[in-house]
Amino acid sequence: MVKDYYKILGIDKNASKEEIKRAFRKMARKYHPDVNPGDKSAEEKFKEVNAAYMLLTDDKKREMYDKFGVVEGDPSSYQQGPGPGGGFRRGPGGSYTYTGGPGGINLEDLFRNIGGQSGRRSSGGSPFEDFDVFSDLGDIFNVFRGQQRGPGRTGARMPQSGEDLRYDMEIDFQEAYFGAEKTIRFKKPDTNKEKTIKVKIPRGIHPNQKLRITNEGMPGKRGGPAGDLYISVNIKPHPYFKRKGDDLYYETEIPFTLAALGGKISVPSMEGNLSLKVPPGTQDLTTFRLKNQGFYGIGSENRGNLLIKVKIKVPKDLNPKQKRLIEDLQALGL
C-alpha cells in the first residue's frame, strides 16, 4: 500500500504549500529525535513526516503522486497491479511502465525532463545512471538502480528548519503585572539588516519566561521552515513588593499599641491602597492575606494573593510622659 502522505501531515489533499509547511513544522518538532531520544517509533514517524514534506512541496512529484500513486524512494509504489485505476510494472531493462491506458506510459519519459533537464545516458544505457543530472529528484536514482545511498546522502537533501534566535528583554515589574506591548529592534545574522517587531507581553508573565515569535529566526534550508525568535524576559525588581509565583509579599511595621488594641492600617497594592484590619493582640511577624490581590495567571482571570507581614515597632526613645504611661502599664501586669 502506498502511504497516505496527506494523512501523515494531517492535512487535506487540497492543502496549499503554506499549509503543508505549517503542518510539517508542527509534526517535525513533535517527533524530532532530539525531543524523543531513544524513541525508535518517533524516529520512524519523523522520517515519514520529512518524506511527506519533500514529496508534497514538489509540484511535479505531488502531481505524479496524486495521479498515479507514484512515490519516489518507494519501489513498491511502482509495482502495484494495474487494477481499475492502472498501476506500474517493471519491464525489460529495469524500466517501469504505467499500465492504466492503451499501450501504457513509460515512466522514464515521465521523469526524463523534470526540472527542464534531460537525462544523459552512460555506458549502462539508462538515463538514470548520471545522478548529478537528477539531483533534484531525491532518491529516484536509487529506486531505479535498486541501490541505497551512501552514508549521509539522504539527510543532506532533506529540508531543515532554520536555527532559532534569542533576544533578552528587560521589563518593569508593573509591565509584568498589567501586561504591555514592547517594540524590539535587532539585526538578523543572515542579512545584517535591522528588524523591528512589536511584542505583546502577557499580564502575569514570570521572570525568565520565554516568548516565541514564529518564523522570525534564521531561514530554513532546502525549503525547510524558518526558525523562531525566542524572547527571554527579565523583570526588574519592585522597590517593596516581592513575588513568589502569582502571590505578592509586603512587609510593614505597626506600633505596639495598635498590635495590642487592634485597628486598621492602609497598605499598598499594585492597583492602589487597601485597608487592612489588624485584630487586637496581633503578634510580631503575623502575616495577613488579602485574596485576589496578586498577579493574574497567564491567560486566566484567576489571581494570586497579597500577603502582608507586620512587624511590631518598639519605640527606642520615650519622652517622660510616655515612659510614665508604660511604667503604669507594667505595674498593671502588661
C-alpha atoms as a PDB file:
ATOM      1  CA  MET A   1       0.000   0.000   0.000  1.00  0.00           C
ATOM      2  CA  VAL A   2       1.233   3.487  -0.856  1.00  0.00           C
ATOM      3  CA  LYS A   3       1.374   5.682   2.225  1.00  0.00           C
ATOM      4  CA  ASP A   4      -1.141   8.490   2.563  1.00  0.00           C
ATOM      5  CA  TYR A   5       1.247  11.407   2.934  1.00  0.00           C
ATOM      6  CA  TYR A   6      -1.586  13.886   3.373  1.00  0.00           C
ATOM      7  CA  LYS A   7      -2.802  11.888   6.353  1.00  0.00           C
ATOM      8  CA  ILE A   8       0.726  11.723   7.792  1.00  0.00           C
ATOM      9  CA  LEU A   9       0.838  15.531   7.889  1.00  0.00           C
ATOM     10  CA  GLY A  10      -2.796  15.772   8.967  1.00  0.00           C
ATOM     11  CA  ILE A  11      -3.832  17.947   6.027  1.00  0.00           C
ATOM     12  CA  ASP A  12      -6.419  17.958   3.243  1.00  0.00           C
ATOM     13  CA  LYS A  13      -5.477  16.898  -0.302  1.00  0.00           C
ATOM     14  CA  ASN A  14      -6.143  20.459  -1.475  1.00  0.00           C
ATOM     15  CA  ALA A  15      -3.755  21.967   1.094  1.00  0.00           C
ATOM     16  CA  SER A  16      -1.608  24.870  -0.070  1.00  0.00           C
ATOM     17  CA  LYS A  17       2.168  24.902   0.265  1.00  0.00           C
ATOM     18  CA  GLU A  18       1.935  27.225   3.241  1.00  0.00           C
ATOM     19  CA  GLU A  19      -0.466  24.807   4.949  1.00  0.00           C
ATOM     20  CA  ILE A  20       1.908  21.949   4.181  1.00  0.00           C
ATOM     21  CA  LYS A  21       4.840  23.879   5.658  1.00  0.00           C
ATOM     22  CA  ARG A  22       2.915  24.705   8.823  1.00  0.00           C
ATOM     23  CA  ALA A  23       1.830  21.097   9.249  1.00  0.00           C
ATOM     24  CA  PHE A  24       5.384  19.867   8.630  1.00  0.00           C
ATOM     25  CA  ARG A  25       6.840  22.248  11.212  1.00  0.00           C
ATOM     26  CA  LYS A  26       4.328  21.143  13.831  1.00  0.00           C
ATOM     27  CA  MET A  27       4.857  17.423  13.223  1.00  0.00           C
ATOM     28  CA  ALA A  28       8.643  17.672  12.838  1.00  0.00           C
ATOM     29  CA  ARG A  29       9.034  19.396  16.185  1.00  0.00           C
ATOM     30  CA  LYS A  30       6.804  16.799  17.834  1.00  0.00           C
ATOM     31  CA  TYR A  31       8.723  13.782  16.539  1.00  0.00           C
ATOM     32  CA  HIS A  32      12.263  15.200  16.251  1.00  0.00           C
ATOM     33  CA  PRO A  33      14.874  12.726  17.635  1.00  0.00           C
ATOM     34  CA  ASP A  34      16.286  15.445  19.906  1.00  0.00           C
ATOM     35  CA  VAL A  35      12.879  15.738  21.563  1.00  0.00           C
ATOM     36  CA  ASN A  36      12.397  11.955  21.732  1.00  0.00           C
ATOM     37  CA  PRO A  37      15.861  10.484  22.444  1.00  0.00           C
ATOM     38  CA  GLY A  38      15.953   6.717  22.039  1.00  0.00           C
ATOM     39  CA  ASP A  39      12.350   6.503  20.796  1.00  0.00           C
ATOM     40  CA  LYS A  40      12.513   4.419  17.612  1.00  0.00           C
ATOM     41  CA  SER A  41       8.826   4.889  16.800  1.00  0.00           C
ATOM     42  CA  ALA A  42       9.214   8.679  16.971  1.00  0.00           C
ATOM     43  CA  GLU A  43      12.300   8.424  14.764  1.00  0.00           C
ATOM     44  CA  GLU A  44      10.358   6.483  12.136  1.00  0.00           C
ATOM     45  CA  LYS A  45       7.486   8.950  12.338  1.00  0.00           C
ATOM     46  CA  PHE A  46       9.965  11.808  11.880  1.00  0.00           C
ATOM     47  CA  LYS A  47      11.257  10.147   8.707  1.00  0.00           C
ATOM     48  CA  GLU A  48       7.697   9.770   7.400  1.00  0.00           C
ATOM     49  CA  VAL A  49       6.963  13.428   8.100  1.00  0.00           C
ATOM     50  CA  ASN A  50      10.100  14.503   6.210  1.00  0.00           C
ATOM     51  CA  ALA A  51       9.269  12.225   3.296  1.00  0.00           C
ATOM     52  CA  ALA A  52       5.741  13.626   3.130  1.00  0.00           C
ATOM     53  CA  TYR A  53       7.038  17.196   3.160  1.00  0.00           C
ATOM     54  CA  MET A  54       9.622  16.532   0.436  1.00  0.00           C
ATOM     55  CA  LEU A  55       7.035  14.983  -1.849  1.00  0.00           C
ATOM     56  CA  LEU A  56       4.096  17.338  -1.314  1.00  0.00           C
ATOM     57  CA  THR A  57       6.108  20.561  -1.705  1.00  0.00           C
ATOM     58  CA  ASP A  58       7.487  19.464  -5.086  1.00  0.00           C
ATOM     59  CA  ASP A  59       4.861  20.229  -7.725  1.00  0.00           C
ATOM     60  CA  LYS A  60       5.983  17.504 -10.157  1.00  0.00           C
ATOM     61  CA  LYS A  61       6.312  14.806  -7.513  1.00  0.00           C
ATOM     62  CA  ARG A  62       2.998  15.756  -5.958  1.00  0.00           C
ATOM     63  CA  GLU A  63       1.267  15.617  -9.342  1.00  0.00           C
ATOM     64  CA  MET A  64       2.595  12.120 -10.015  1.00  0.00           C
ATOM     65  CA  TYR A  65       1.640  11.005  -6.525  1.00  0.00           C
ATOM     66  CA  ASP A  66      -1.905  12.368  -6.890  1.00  0.00           C
ATOM     67  CA  LYS A  67      -2.443  10.988 -10.408  1.00  0.00           C
ATOM     68  CA  PHE A  68      -0.558   7.706 -10.375  1.00  0.00           C
ATOM     69  CA  GLY A  69       0.265   6.895  -6.749  1.00  0.00           C
ATOM     70  CA  VAL A  70       3.995   7.040  -7.539  1.00  0.00           C
ATOM     71  CA  VAL A  71       6.280   7.810  -4.611  1.00  0.00           C
ATOM     72  CA  GLU A  72       9.944   8.388  -5.294  1.00  0.00           C
ATOM     73  CA  GLY A  73      12.069   6.315  -2.992  1.00  0.00           C
ATOM     74  CA  ASP A  74       9.351   3.670  -2.564  1.00  0.00           C
ATOM     75  CA  PRO A  75       9.816   0.903  -5.175  1.00  0.00           C
ATOM     76  CA  SER A  76       6.606  -0.813  -4.076  1.00  0.00           C
ATOM     77  CA  SER A  77       4.585   2.135  -5.380  1.00  0.00           C
ATOM     78  CA  TYR A  78       5.813   1.317  -8.901  1.00  0.00           C
ATOM     79  CA  GLN A  79       4.889  -2.357  -8.679  1.00  0.00           C
ATOM     80  CA  GLN A  80       1.197  -2.178  -7.976  1.00  0.00           C
ATOM     81  CA  GLY A  81      -1.121  -4.300 -10.069  1.00  0.00           C
ATOM     82  CA  PRO A  82      -2.995  -2.361 -12.722  1.00  0.00           C
ATOM     83  CA  GLY A  83      -6.433  -2.733 -11.099  1.00  0.00           C
ATOM     84  CA  PRO A  84      -9.255  -0.438 -12.128  1.00  0.00           C
ATOM     85  CA  GLY A  85      -7.081   2.662 -11.903  1.00  0.00           C
ATOM     86  CA  GLY A  86      -3.986   1.206 -13.526  1.00  0.00           C
ATOM     87  CA  GLY A  87      -0.579   0.620 -11.989  1.00  0.00           C
ATOM     88  CA  PHE A  88       3.124   0.212 -12.711  1.00  0.00           C
ATOM     89  CA  ARG A  89       5.027  -2.907 -13.635  1.00  0.00           C
ATOM     90  CA  ARG A  90       8.714  -3.437 -14.171  1.00  0.00           C
ATOM     91  CA  GLY A  91       9.665  -4.331 -17.712  1.00  0.00           C
ATOM     92  CA  PRO A  92      12.807  -5.494 -19.505  1.00  0.00           C
ATOM     93  CA  GLY A  93      15.878  -3.422 -18.785  1.00  0.00           C
ATOM     94  CA  GLY A  94      14.566  -2.188 -15.488  1.00  0.00           C
ATOM     95  CA  SER A  95      12.133   0.482 -16.760  1.00  0.00           C
ATOM     96  CA  TYR A  96       8.668   0.900 -15.259  1.00  0.00           C
ATOM     97  CA  THR A  97       5.528   1.224 -17.316  1.00  0.00           C
ATOM     98  CA  TYR A  98       2.130   2.595 -16.334  1.00  0.00           C
ATOM     99  CA  THR A  99      -0.475   0.047 -17.393  1.00  0.00           C
ATOM    100  CA  GLY A 100      -3.617   2.072 -16.896  1.00  0.00           C
ATOM    101  CA  GLY A 101      -4.053   3.143 -20.534  1.00  0.00           C
ATOM    102  CA  PRO A 102      -3.603   1.814 -24.067  1.00  0.00           C
ATOM    103  CA  GLY A 103      -0.008   0.861 -24.589  1.00  0.00           C
ATOM    104  CA  GLY A 104       0.969   2.161 -21.173  1.00  0.00           C
ATOM    105  CA  ILE A 105       3.243   5.111 -20.324  1.00  0.00           C
ATOM    106  CA  ASN A 106       6.974   4.637 -19.930  1.00  0.00           C
ATOM    107  CA  LEU A 107       7.920   6.018 -16.531  1.00  0.00           C
ATOM    108  CA  GLU A 108      11.351   7.061 -17.752  1.00  0.00           C
ATOM    109  CA  ASP A 109       9.612   9.504 -20.097  1.00  0.00           C
ATOM    110  CA  LEU A 110       7.699  10.951 -17.171  1.00  0.00           C
ATOM    111  CA  PHE A 111      10.893  11.655 -15.265  1.00  0.00           C
ATOM    112  CA  ARG A 112      13.177  12.456 -18.171  1.00  0.00           C
ATOM    113  CA  ASN A 113      12.574  16.204 -18.312  1.00  0.00           C
ATOM    114  CA  ILE A 114      11.689  17.057 -14.734  1.00  0.00           C
ATOM    115  CA  GLY A 115      13.136  20.471 -13.932  1.00  0.00           C
ATOM    116  CA  GLY A 116      13.785  21.091 -17.634  1.00  0.00           C
ATOM    117  CA  GLN A 117      16.775  18.676 -17.780  1.00  0.00           C
ATOM    118  CA  SER A 118      17.218  15.599 -19.943  1.00  0.00           C
ATOM    119  CA  GLY A 119      18.947  12.522 -18.625  1.00  0.00           C
ATOM    120  CA  ARG A 120      22.381  11.769 -20.124  1.00  0.00           C
ATOM    121  CA  ARG A 121      22.904   8.122 -20.903  1.00  0.00           C
ATOM    122  CA  SER A 122      26.037   6.478 -19.564  1.00  0.00           C
ATOM    123  CA  SER A 123      27.557   3.238 -20.720  1.00  0.00           C
ATOM    124  CA  GLY A 124      24.869   1.367 -18.766  1.00  0.00           C
ATOM    125  CA  GLY A 125      22.218   2.640 -21.180  1.00  0.00           C
ATOM    126  CA  SER A 126      19.857   4.144 -18.578  1.00  0.00           C
ATOM    127  CA  PRO A 127      19.183   7.881 -18.316  1.00  0.00           C
ATOM    128  CA  PHE A 128      19.181   7.482 -14.532  1.00  0.00           C
ATOM    129  CA  GLU A 129      22.839   6.435 -14.378  1.00  0.00           C
ATOM    130  CA  ASP A 130      24.010  10.057 -14.126  1.00  0.00           C
ATOM    131  CA  PHE A 131      22.979  11.065 -10.612  1.00  0.00           C
ATOM    132  CA  ASP A 132      24.016  14.706 -10.832  1.00  0.00           C
ATOM    133  CA  VAL A 133      21.573  15.403 -13.641  1.00  0.00           C
ATOM    134  CA  PHE A 134      18.726  14.153 -11.437  1.00  0.00           C
ATOM    135  CA  SER A 135      19.966  15.534  -8.116  1.00  0.00           C
ATOM    136  CA  ASP A 136      16.675  17.363  -7.632  1.00  0.00           C
ATOM    137  CA  LEU A 137      14.789  14.049  -7.699  1.00  0.00           C
ATOM    138  CA  GLY A 138      15.974  12.953  -4.266  1.00  0.00           C
ATOM    139  CA  ASP A 139      16.058   9.132  -4.057  1.00  0.00           C
ATOM    140  CA  ILE A 140      14.782   8.302  -7.536  1.00  0.00           C
ATOM    141  CA  PHE A 141      18.284   7.341  -8.738  1.00  0.00           C
ATOM    142  CA  ASN A 142      18.429   4.598  -6.153  1.00  0.00           C
ATOM    143  CA  VAL A 143      14.889   3.433  -6.920  1.00  0.00           C
ATOM    144  CA  PHE A 144      15.781   2.591 -10.488  1.00  0.00           C
ATOM    145  CA  ARG A 145      19.193   1.107  -9.737  1.00  0.00           C
ATOM    146  CA  GLY A 146      17.933  -0.873  -6.752  1.00  0.00           C
ATOM    147  CA  GLN A 147      20.682   0.602  -4.559  1.00  0.00           C
ATOM    148  CA  GLN A 148      20.836   2.598  -1.351  1.00  0.00           C
ATOM    149  CA  ARG A 149      22.512   5.914  -0.822  1.00  0.00           C
ATOM    150  CA  GLY A 150      25.834   6.186   0.838  1.00  0.00           C
ATOM    151  CA  PRO A 151      26.005   7.457   4.431  1.00  0.00           C
ATOM    152  CA  GLY A 152      24.676  10.957   4.871  1.00  0.00           C
ATOM    153  CA  ARG A 153      23.373  11.437   1.325  1.00  0.00           C
ATOM    154  CA  THR A 154      19.662  11.220   2.216  1.00  0.00           C
ATOM    155  CA  GLY A 155      19.841  13.544   5.220  1.00  0.00           C
ATOM    156  CA  ALA A 156      21.801  16.094   3.229  1.00  0.00           C
ATOM    157  CA  ARG A 157      18.830  16.552   0.895  1.00  0.00           C
ATOM    158  CA  MET A 158      16.106  16.709   3.500  1.00  0.00           C
ATOM    159  CA  PRO A 159      14.540  20.088   4.359  1.00  0.00           C
ATOM    160  CA  GLN A 160      15.961  21.590   7.516  1.00  0.00           C
ATOM    161  CA  SER A 161      14.382  24.113   9.845  1.00  0.00           C
ATOM    162  CA  GLY A 162      16.305  27.336  10.354  1.00  0.00           C
ATOM    163  CA  GLU A 163      18.100  27.995  13.616  1.00  0.00           C
ATOM    164  CA  ASP A 164      16.234  29.766  16.408  1.00  0.00           C
ATOM    165  CA  LEU A 165      17.341  33.183  17.651  1.00  0.00           C
ATOM    166  CA  ARG A 166      17.271  34.590  21.194  1.00  0.00           C
ATOM    167  CA  TYR A 167      16.640  38.139  22.361  1.00  0.00           C
ATOM    168  CA  ASP A 168      16.993  39.253  26.009  1.00  0.00           C
ATOM    169  CA  MET A 169      14.425  41.798  27.158  1.00  0.00           C
ATOM    170  CA  GLU A 170      14.049  43.602  30.479  1.00  0.00           C
ATOM    171  CA  ILE A 171      10.670  44.944  31.583  1.00  0.00           C
ATOM    172  CA  ASP A 172       9.348  46.772  34.644  1.00  0.00           C
ATOM    173  CA  PHE A 173       7.536  44.991  37.470  1.00  0.00           C
ATOM    174  CA  GLN A 174       4.359  46.887  36.571  1.00  0.00           C
ATOM    175  CA  GLU A 175       4.576  45.726  32.939  1.00  0.00           C
ATOM    176  CA  ALA A 176       4.746  42.136  34.108  1.00  0.00           C
ATOM    177  CA  TYR A 177       1.685  42.707  36.295  1.00  0.00           C
ATOM    178  CA  PHE A 178      -0.521  44.600  33.831  1.00  0.00           C
ATOM    179  CA  GLY A 179       0.916  43.334  30.523  1.00  0.00           C
ATOM    180  CA  ALA A 180       2.392  45.585  27.863  1.00  0.00           C
ATOM    181  CA  GLU A 181       3.338  45.954  24.231  1.00  0.00           C
ATOM    182  CA  LYS A 182       7.023  46.465  23.545  1.00  0.00           C
ATOM    183  CA  THR A 183       8.947  47.224  20.377  1.00  0.00           C
ATOM    184  CA  ILE A 184      12.265  45.474  19.870  1.00  0.00           C
ATOM    185  CA  ARG A 185      14.944  46.098  17.264  1.00  0.00           C
ATOM    186  CA  PHE A 186      17.649  43.657  16.322  1.00  0.00           C
ATOM    187  CA  LYS A 187      19.846  42.704  13.397  1.00  0.00           C
ATOM    188  CA  LYS A 188      19.208  39.349  11.755  1.00  0.00           C
ATOM    189  CA  PRO A 189      22.509  37.495  11.266  1.00  0.00           C
ATOM    190  CA  ASP A 190      21.610  36.295   7.760  1.00  0.00           C
ATOM    191  CA  THR A 191      21.009  39.791   6.336  1.00  0.00           C
ATOM    192  CA  ASN A 192      22.553  42.067   8.997  1.00  0.00           C
ATOM    193  CA  LYS A 193      19.548  44.338   8.460  1.00  0.00           C
ATOM    194  CA  GLU A 194      17.708  45.874  11.392  1.00  0.00           C
ATOM    195  CA  LYS A 195      14.363  44.269  12.138  1.00  0.00           C
ATOM    196  CA  THR A 196      11.593  45.911  14.169  1.00  0.00           C
ATOM    197  CA  ILE A 197       8.965  43.740  15.845  1.00  0.00           C
ATOM    198  CA  LYS A 198       6.151  44.527  18.248  1.00  0.00           C
ATOM    199  CA  VAL A 199       5.927  42.059  21.119  1.00  0.00           C
ATOM    200  CA  LYS A 200       2.888  41.583  23.318  1.00  0.00           C
ATOM    201  CA  ILE A 201       3.840  40.925  26.943  1.00  0.00           C
ATOM    202  CA  PRO A 202       1.024  38.935  28.597  1.00  0.00           C
ATOM    203  CA  ARG A 203      -0.026  40.047  32.067  1.00  0.00           C
ATOM    204  CA  GLY A 204       1.293  37.734  34.744  1.00  0.00           C
ATOM    205  CA  ILE A 205       4.448  36.776  32.854  1.00  0.00           C
ATOM    206  CA  HIS A 206       7.097  35.177  35.073  1.00  0.00           C
ATOM    207  CA  PRO A 207      10.796  36.032  35.323  1.00  0.00           C
ATOM    208  CA  ASN A 208      12.950  34.409  32.616  1.00  0.00           C
ATOM    209  CA  GLN A 209       9.889  33.138  30.803  1.00  0.00           C
ATOM    210  CA  LYS A 210      10.379  32.927  27.048  1.00  0.00           C
ATOM    211  CA  LEU A 211       8.049  34.264  24.389  1.00  0.00           C
ATOM    212  CA  ARG A 212       8.159  32.684  20.929  1.00  0.00           C
ATOM    213  CA  ILE A 213       7.738  34.672  17.732  1.00  0.00           C
ATOM    214  CA  THR A 214       7.336  32.131  14.944  1.00  0.00           C
ATOM    215  CA  ASN A 215       9.271  32.318  11.679  1.00  0.00           C
ATOM    216  CA  GLU A 216      11.487  35.203  12.831  1.00  0.00           C
ATOM    217  CA  GLY A 217      14.615  33.096  13.237  1.00  0.00           C
ATOM    218  CA  MET A 218      17.168  32.081  10.620  1.00  0.00           C
ATOM    219  CA  PRO A 219      15.838  30.907   7.229  1.00  0.00           C
ATOM    220  CA  GLY A 220      15.452  27.185   6.612  1.00  0.00           C
ATOM    221  CA  LYS A 221      17.472  25.142   4.162  1.00  0.00           C
ATOM    222  CA  ARG A 222      16.207  23.294   1.100  1.00  0.00           C
ATOM    223  CA  GLY A 223      12.667  24.528   1.588  1.00  0.00           C
ATOM    224  CA  GLY A 224      12.556  23.963   5.344  1.00  0.00           C
ATOM    225  CA  PRO A 225      10.659  26.448   7.521  1.00  0.00           C
ATOM    226  CA  ALA A 226      12.368  29.386   9.197  1.00  0.00           C
ATOM    227  CA  GLY A 227      13.355  29.147  12.850  1.00  0.00           C
ATOM    228  CA  ASP A 228      11.715  31.061  15.666  1.00  0.00           C
ATOM    229  CA  LEU A 229      12.715  34.062  17.732  1.00  0.00           C
ATOM    230  CA  TYR A 230      12.688  33.397  21.482  1.00  0.00           C
ATOM    231  CA  ILE A 231      12.471  36.411  23.756  1.00  0.00           C
ATOM    232  CA  SER A 232      13.787  35.797  27.277  1.00  0.00           C
ATOM    233  CA  VAL A 233      12.049  38.196  29.660  1.00  0.00           C
ATOM    234  CA  ASN A 234      13.828  39.570  32.722  1.00  0.00           C
ATOM    235  CA  ILE A 235      11.700  41.520  35.229  1.00  0.00           C
ATOM    236  CA  LYS A 236      13.128  44.419  37.217  1.00  0.00           C
ATOM    237  CA  PRO A 237      12.619  44.114  40.996  1.00  0.00           C
ATOM    238  CA  HIS A 238       9.966  46.201  42.733  1.00  0.00           C
ATOM    239  CA  PRO A 239      11.088  48.634  45.450  1.00  0.00           C
ATOM    240  CA  TYR A 240       8.968  46.959  48.155  1.00  0.00           C
ATOM    241  CA  PHE A 241       6.917  44.056  46.717  1.00  0.00           C
ATOM    242  CA  LYS A 242       8.337  40.561  46.415  1.00  0.00           C
ATOM    243  CA  ARG A 243       6.856  37.949  44.132  1.00  0.00           C
ATOM    244  CA  LYS A 244       6.535  34.198  44.594  1.00  0.00           C
ATOM    245  CA  GLY A 245       4.555  32.543  41.832  1.00  0.00           C
ATOM    246  CA  ASP A 246       1.443  34.691  41.453  1.00  0.00           C
ATOM    247  CA  ASP A 247       1.490  35.889  45.094  1.00  0.00           C
ATOM    248  CA  LEU A 248       2.791  39.266  46.254  1.00  0.00           C
ATOM    249  CA  TYR A 249       4.563  39.803  49.587  1.00  0.00           C
ATOM    250  CA  TYR A 250       4.821  43.059  51.511  1.00  0.00           C
ATOM    251  CA  GLU A 251       6.222  43.891  54.943  1.00  0.00           C
ATOM    252  CA  THR A 252       5.205  46.811  57.161  1.00  0.00           C
ATOM    253  CA  GLU A 253       5.635  47.992  60.740  1.00  0.00           C
ATOM    254  CA  ILE A 254       2.817  48.816  63.174  1.00  0.00           C
ATOM    255  CA  PRO A 255       3.027  50.446  66.641  1.00  0.00           C
ATOM    256  CA  PHE A 256       2.901  48.022  69.577  1.00  0.00           C
ATOM    257  CA  THR A 257      -0.184  49.857  70.837  1.00  0.00           C
ATOM    258  CA  LEU A 258      -2.028  49.096  67.565  1.00  0.00           C
ATOM    259  CA  ALA A 259      -0.960  45.479  67.817  1.00  0.00           C
ATOM    260  CA  ALA A 260      -2.355  45.345  71.355  1.00  0.00           C
ATOM    261  CA  LEU A 261      -5.575  47.314  70.808  1.00  0.00           C
ATOM    262  CA  GLY A 262      -6.275  46.497  67.146  1.00  0.00           C
ATOM    263  CA  GLY A 263      -7.291  48.868  64.384  1.00  0.00           C
ATOM    264  CA  LYS A 264      -6.950  49.494  60.667  1.00  0.00           C
ATOM    265  CA  ILE A 265      -3.957  50.358  58.532  1.00  0.00           C
ATOM    266  CA  SER A 266      -3.534  51.312  54.893  1.00  0.00           C
ATOM    267  CA  VAL A 267      -1.361  49.016  52.778  1.00  0.00           C
ATOM    268  CA  PRO A 268      -0.309  49.372  49.118  1.00  0.00           C
ATOM    269  CA  SER A 269      -1.263  47.016  46.296  1.00  0.00           C
ATOM    270  CA  MET A 270      -0.430  47.025  42.587  1.00  0.00           C
ATOM    271  CA  GLU A 271      -3.724  48.801  41.918  1.00  0.00           C
ATOM    272  CA  GLY A 272      -3.911  51.303  44.778  1.00  0.00           C
ATOM    273  CA  ASN A 273      -4.060  51.378  48.572  1.00  0.00           C
ATOM    274  CA  LEU A 274      -6.170  48.907  50.548  1.00  0.00           C
ATOM    275  CA  SER A 275      -7.454  48.863  54.106  1.00  0.00           C
ATOM    276  CA  LEU A 276      -6.236  46.063  56.382  1.00  0.00           C
ATOM    277  CA  LYS A 277      -7.928  45.240  59.653  1.00  0.00           C
ATOM    278  CA  VAL A 278      -5.482  44.371  62.459  1.00  0.00           C
ATOM    279  CA  PRO A 279      -7.207  42.451  65.247  1.00  0.00           C
ATOM    280  CA  PRO A 280      -6.359  43.149  68.937  1.00  0.00           C
ATOM    281  CA  GLY A 281      -3.460  41.123  70.284  1.00  0.00           C
ATOM    282  CA  THR A 282      -1.672  40.757  66.935  1.00  0.00           C
ATOM    283  CA  GLN A 283       1.746  39.194  67.432  1.00  0.00           C
ATOM    284  CA  ASP A 284       5.020  40.180  65.843  1.00  0.00           C
ATOM    285  CA  LEU A 285       5.627  38.769  62.324  1.00  0.00           C
ATOM    286  CA  THR A 286       1.960  37.866  61.804  1.00  0.00           C
ATOM    287  CA  THR A 287       1.052  37.503  58.114  1.00  0.00           C
ATOM    288  CA  PHE A 288      -2.318  38.590  56.772  1.00  0.00           C
ATOM    289  CA  ARG A 289      -3.717  37.516  53.423  1.00  0.00           C
ATOM    290  CA  LEU A 290      -5.709  39.704  51.078  1.00  0.00           C
ATOM    291  CA  LYS A 291      -7.294  37.389  48.493  1.00  0.00           C
ATOM    292  CA  ASN A 292      -7.096  38.018  44.769  1.00  0.00           C
ATOM    293  CA  GLN A 293      -4.749  40.987  45.054  1.00  0.00           C
ATOM    294  CA  GLY A 294      -1.733  39.287  43.468  1.00  0.00           C
ATOM    295  CA  PHE A 295      -0.728  38.586  39.865  1.00  0.00           C
ATOM    296  CA  TYR A 296      -3.150  37.218  37.321  1.00  0.00           C
ATOM    297  CA  GLY A 297      -2.308  33.807  35.933  1.00  0.00           C
ATOM    298  CA  ILE A 298      -1.266  33.988  32.288  1.00  0.00           C
ATOM    299  CA  GLY A 299      -4.354  33.785  30.113  1.00  0.00           C
ATOM    300  CA  SER A 300      -6.580  33.467  33.178  1.00  0.00           C
ATOM    301  CA  GLU A 301      -8.811  35.520  35.445  1.00  0.00           C
ATOM    302  CA  ASN A 302      -7.503  33.635  38.485  1.00  0.00           C
ATOM    303  CA  ARG A 303      -5.234  35.669  40.726  1.00  0.00           C
ATOM    304  CA  GLY A 304      -2.712  35.176  43.447  1.00  0.00           C
ATOM    305  CA  ASN A 305      -2.927  36.843  46.857  1.00  0.00           C
ATOM    306  CA  LEU A 306      -1.282  39.770  48.600  1.00  0.00           C
ATOM    307  CA  LEU A 307       0.370  38.681  51.843  1.00  0.00           C
ATOM    308  CA  ILE A 308       1.148  41.352  54.441  1.00  0.00           C
ATOM    309  CA  LYS A 309       3.664  40.602  57.180  1.00  0.00           C
ATOM    310  CA  VAL A 310       3.511  43.005  60.140  1.00  0.00           C
ATOM    311  CA  LYS A 311       6.403  43.757  62.420  1.00  0.00           C
ATOM    312  CA  ILE A 312       5.682  45.353  65.786  1.00  0.00           C
ATOM    313  CA  LYS A 313       7.642  48.546  66.219  1.00  0.00           C
ATOM    314  CA  VAL A 314       9.032  49.103  69.705  1.00  0.00           C
ATOM    315  CA  PRO A 315       9.988  52.745  70.362  1.00  0.00           C
ATOM    316  CA  LYS A 316      13.599  53.366  71.319  1.00  0.00           C
ATOM    317  CA  ASP A 317      13.380  56.895  72.706  1.00  0.00           C
ATOM    318  CA  LEU A 318      10.495  57.691  75.089  1.00  0.00           C
ATOM    319  CA  ASN A 319       9.659  61.129  76.414  1.00  0.00           C
ATOM    320  CA  PRO A 320       8.928  61.393  80.168  1.00  0.00           C
ATOM    321  CA  LYS A 321       5.150  61.133  79.746  1.00  0.00           C
ATOM    322  CA  GLN A 322       5.365  58.059  77.513  1.00  0.00           C
ATOM    323  CA  LYS A 323       7.749  56.433  79.932  1.00  0.00           C
ATOM    324  CA  ARG A 324       5.390  57.031  82.912  1.00  0.00           C
ATOM    325  CA  LEU A 325       2.444  55.544  80.987  1.00  0.00           C
ATOM    326  CA  ILE A 326       4.388  52.446  80.090  1.00  0.00           C
ATOM    327  CA  GLU A 327       5.556  52.098  83.688  1.00  0.00           C
ATOM    328  CA  ASP A 328       1.912  52.288  84.776  1.00  0.00           C
ATOM    329  CA  LEU A 329       1.050  49.532  82.270  1.00  0.00           C
ATOM    330  CA  GLN A 330       3.932  47.481  83.574  1.00  0.00           C
ATOM    331  CA  ALA A 331       2.647  47.920  87.120  1.00  0.00           C
ATOM    332  CA  LEU A 332      -0.703  46.610  85.965  1.00  0.00           C
ATOM    333  CA  GLY A 333       0.962  43.474  84.639  1.00  0.00           C
ATOM    334  CA  LEU A 334       1.183  44.374  80.960  1.00  0.00           C
END
